[in-house]
């Protein structure tokens, strides 16, 4: 999984006319969840990450938007949170981990 900037995301979403709704949704989410990470990765990475997040955090702690497919089973998504510490943890996980659902520590408690 790779982390990207908003500028790269906007470049990928060209022409913007097709993504106006997603970009409006992004602005609305950022008003409540000011910390975000834009990631590019494989679908199975996003699926595994979403499962990991659901297991480790309460509902509504982290929101996400899947923006667009950029290749076969590959695309862009953005994850939002209210807390800088969670954003930093996700940033570390995104760049340093590749995990499968079977690798989860199902015994650990939610944060």
C-alpha atoms as a PDB file:
ATOM      1  CA  UNK A   1       0.000   0.000   0.000  1.00  0.00           C
ATOM      2  CA  UNK A   2       1.274   3.475  -0.875  1.00  0.00           C
ATOM      3  CA  UNK A   3       0.335   6.773   0.766  1.00  0.00           C
ATOM      4  CA  UNK A   4      -0.344   9.738  -1.524  1.00  0.00           C
ATOM      5  CA  UNK A   5      -1.076  13.441  -1.349  1.00  0.00           C
ATOM      6  CA  UNK A   6      -4.310  15.221  -2.214  1.00  0.00           C
ATOM      7  CA  UNK A   7      -2.616  16.559  -5.354  1.00  0.00           C
ATOM      8  CA  UNK A   8      -1.926  13.036  -6.616  1.00  0.00           C
ATOM      9  CA  UNK A   9      -5.497  12.015  -5.776  1.00  0.00           C
ATOM     10  CA  UNK A  10      -6.912  14.961  -7.736  1.00  0.00           C
ATOM     11  CA  UNK A  11      -4.650  14.130 -10.675  1.00  0.00           C
ATOM     12  CA  UNK A  12      -5.916  10.537 -10.656  1.00  0.00           C
ATOM     13  CA  UNK A  13      -9.533  11.700 -10.395  1.00  0.00           C
ATOM     14  CA  UNK A  14      -9.312  13.786 -13.578  1.00  0.00           C
ATOM     15  CA  UNK A  15     -11.650  14.730 -15.077  1.00  0.00           C
ATOM     16  CA  UNK A  16     -13.240  15.852 -11.823  1.00  0.00           C
ATOM     17  CA  UNK A  17     -16.709  16.035 -13.310  1.00  0.00           C
ATOM     18  CA  UNK A  18     -17.029  12.269 -12.803  1.00  0.00           C
ATOM     19  CA  UNK A  19     -16.030  12.472  -9.132  1.00  0.00           C
ATOM     20  CA  UNK A  20     -17.803  15.614  -7.904  1.00  0.00           C
ATOM     21  CA  UNK A  21     -19.967  13.621  -5.494  1.00  0.00           C
ATOM     22  CA  UNK A  22     -16.934  11.828  -3.980  1.00  0.00           C
ATOM     23  CA  UNK A  23     -15.047  15.125  -3.604  1.00  0.00           C
ATOM     24  CA  UNK A  24     -18.066  16.754  -1.934  1.00  0.00           C
ATOM     25  CA  UNK A  25     -18.329  13.761   0.387  1.00  0.00           C
ATOM     26  CA  UNK A  26     -14.619  14.204   1.192  1.00  0.00           C
ATOM     27  CA  UNK A  27     -15.115  17.857   2.174  1.00  0.00           C
ATOM     28  CA  UNK A  28     -18.077  16.924   4.403  1.00  0.00           C
ATOM     29  CA  UNK A  29     -16.178  14.149   6.168  1.00  0.00           C
ATOM     30  CA  UNK A  30     -13.105  16.351   6.695  1.00  0.00           C
ATOM     31  CA  UNK A  31     -15.263  18.875   8.551  1.00  0.00           C
ATOM     32  CA  UNK A  32     -15.844  16.263  11.264  1.00  0.00           C
ATOM     33  CA  UNK A  33     -12.832  13.953  10.802  1.00  0.00           C
ATOM     34  CA  UNK A  34      -9.916  16.338  10.148  1.00  0.00           C
ATOM     35  CA  UNK A  35      -7.102  13.768   9.856  1.00  0.00           C
ATOM     36  CA  UNK A  36      -6.861  11.651   6.745  1.00  0.00           C
ATOM     37  CA  UNK A  37      -4.626   9.316   4.794  1.00  0.00           C
ATOM     38  CA  UNK A  38      -4.940   8.746   1.061  1.00  0.00           C
ATOM     39  CA  UNK A  39      -3.830   5.283   0.034  1.00  0.00           C
ATOM     40  CA  UNK A  40      -3.358   3.375  -3.181  1.00  0.00           C
ATOM     41  CA  UNK A  41      -3.423  -0.382  -3.037  1.00  0.00           C
ATOM     42  CA  UNK A  42      -4.855  -3.733  -3.985  1.00  0.00           C
ATOM     43  CA  UNK A  43      -8.489  -4.500  -3.224  1.00  0.00           C
ATOM     44  CA  UNK A  44      -7.518  -7.357  -0.907  1.00  0.00           C
ATOM     45  CA  UNK A  45      -5.289  -4.935   1.038  1.00  0.00           C
ATOM     46  CA  UNK A  46      -8.217  -2.571   1.510  1.00  0.00           C
ATOM     47  CA  UNK A  47     -10.483  -5.477   2.499  1.00  0.00           C
ATOM     48  CA  UNK A  48      -7.960  -6.700   5.049  1.00  0.00           C
ATOM     49  CA  UNK A  49      -7.391  -3.186   6.358  1.00  0.00           C
ATOM     50  CA  UNK A  50     -11.126  -2.583   6.722  1.00  0.00           C
ATOM     51  CA  UNK A  51     -11.474  -5.834   8.674  1.00  0.00           C
ATOM     52  CA  UNK A  52      -8.508  -4.908  10.881  1.00  0.00           C
ATOM     53  CA  UNK A  53     -10.001  -1.469  11.577  1.00  0.00           C
ATOM     54  CA  UNK A  54     -13.398  -2.972  12.420  1.00  0.00           C
ATOM     55  CA  UNK A  55     -11.721  -5.364  14.844  1.00  0.00           C
ATOM     56  CA  UNK A  56      -9.517  -2.770  16.571  1.00  0.00           C
ATOM     57  CA  UNK A  57     -11.708   0.351  16.665  1.00  0.00           C
ATOM     58  CA  UNK A  58     -15.268   1.221  17.588  1.00  0.00           C
ATOM     59  CA  UNK A  59     -17.696   2.053  14.783  1.00  0.00           C
ATOM     60  CA  UNK A  60     -17.427   5.631  13.498  1.00  0.00           C
ATOM     61  CA  UNK A  61     -13.864   6.047  14.802  1.00  0.00           C
ATOM     62  CA  UNK A  62     -12.564   5.804  11.226  1.00  0.00           C
ATOM     63  CA  UNK A  63     -14.478   6.557   8.039  1.00  0.00           C
ATOM     64  CA  UNK A  64     -13.351   5.883   4.502  1.00  0.00           C
ATOM     65  CA  UNK A  65     -14.141   6.586   0.871  1.00  0.00           C
ATOM     66  CA  UNK A  66     -13.098   4.378  -2.020  1.00  0.00           C
ATOM     67  CA  UNK A  67     -12.457   6.768  -4.882  1.00  0.00           C
ATOM     68  CA  UNK A  68     -11.613   4.878  -7.957  1.00  0.00           C
ATOM     69  CA  UNK A  69     -10.215   1.794  -9.539  1.00  0.00           C
ATOM     70  CA  UNK A  70      -6.855   2.523 -11.181  1.00  0.00           C
ATOM     71  CA  UNK A  71      -6.117  -0.967 -12.409  1.00  0.00           C
ATOM     72  CA  UNK A  72      -7.371  -4.497 -12.153  1.00  0.00           C
ATOM     73  CA  UNK A  73      -8.005  -5.026  -8.410  1.00  0.00           C
ATOM     74  CA  UNK A  74      -6.189  -1.764  -7.601  1.00  0.00           C
ATOM     75  CA  UNK A  75      -7.422   1.662  -6.547  1.00  0.00           C
ATOM     76  CA  UNK A  76      -7.455   4.736  -4.316  1.00  0.00           C
ATOM     77  CA  UNK A  77      -9.166   5.200  -0.949  1.00  0.00           C
ATOM     78  CA  UNK A  78      -9.014   7.719   1.868  1.00  0.00           C
ATOM     79  CA  UNK A  79      -9.353   7.017   5.582  1.00  0.00           C
ATOM     80  CA  UNK A  80     -10.470   9.730   8.015  1.00  0.00           C
ATOM     81  CA  UNK A  81     -10.281  10.023  11.795  1.00  0.00           C
ATOM     82  CA  UNK A  82     -10.842  12.625  14.499  1.00  0.00           C
ATOM     83  CA  UNK A  83      -7.614  11.830  16.334  1.00  0.00           C
ATOM     84  CA  UNK A  84      -4.072  12.543  15.217  1.00  0.00           C
ATOM     85  CA  UNK A  85      -2.758   9.519  17.139  1.00  0.00           C
ATOM     86  CA  UNK A  86      -5.028   7.175  15.170  1.00  0.00           C
ATOM     87  CA  UNK A  87      -3.988   8.811  11.900  1.00  0.00           C
ATOM     88  CA  UNK A  88      -0.331   8.260  12.804  1.00  0.00           C
ATOM     89  CA  UNK A  89      -0.974   4.616  13.663  1.00  0.00           C
ATOM     90  CA  UNK A  90      -2.815   4.050  10.387  1.00  0.00           C
ATOM     91  CA  UNK A  91      -0.029   5.780   8.467  1.00  0.00           C
ATOM     92  CA  UNK A  92       2.470   3.359  10.019  1.00  0.00           C
ATOM     93  CA  UNK A  93       0.265   0.343   9.274  1.00  0.00           C
ATOM     94  CA  UNK A  94      -0.339   1.421   5.676  1.00  0.00           C
ATOM     95  CA  UNK A  95       3.343   1.774   4.874  1.00  0.00           C
ATOM     96  CA  UNK A  96       4.833  -1.045   6.939  1.00  0.00           C
ATOM     97  CA  UNK A  97       2.350  -3.877   6.856  1.00  0.00           C
ATOM     98  CA  UNK A  98       0.925  -6.317   4.462  1.00  0.00           C
ATOM     99  CA  UNK A  99      -1.449  -8.554   6.272  1.00  0.00           C
ATOM    100  CA  UNK A 100      -4.091 -11.072   5.496  1.00  0.00           C
ATOM    101  CA  UNK A 101      -7.223 -11.633   7.521  1.00  0.00           C
ATOM    102  CA  UNK A 102      -5.722 -14.842   8.924  1.00  0.00           C
ATOM    103  CA  UNK A 103      -2.856 -12.811  10.453  1.00  0.00           C
ATOM    104  CA  UNK A 104      -5.057 -10.809  12.826  1.00  0.00           C
ATOM    105  CA  UNK A 105      -4.656 -11.032  16.559  1.00  0.00           C
ATOM    106  CA  UNK A 106      -8.334 -11.680  17.276  1.00  0.00           C
ATOM    107  CA  UNK A 107      -7.677 -11.771  21.017  1.00  0.00           C
ATOM    108  CA  UNK A 108      -6.567  -8.132  21.311  1.00  0.00           C
ATOM    109  CA  UNK A 109      -9.039  -5.590  22.645  1.00  0.00           C
ATOM    110  CA  UNK A 110     -10.436  -2.611  20.764  1.00  0.00           C
ATOM    111  CA  UNK A 111      -8.763   0.728  21.368  1.00  0.00           C
END
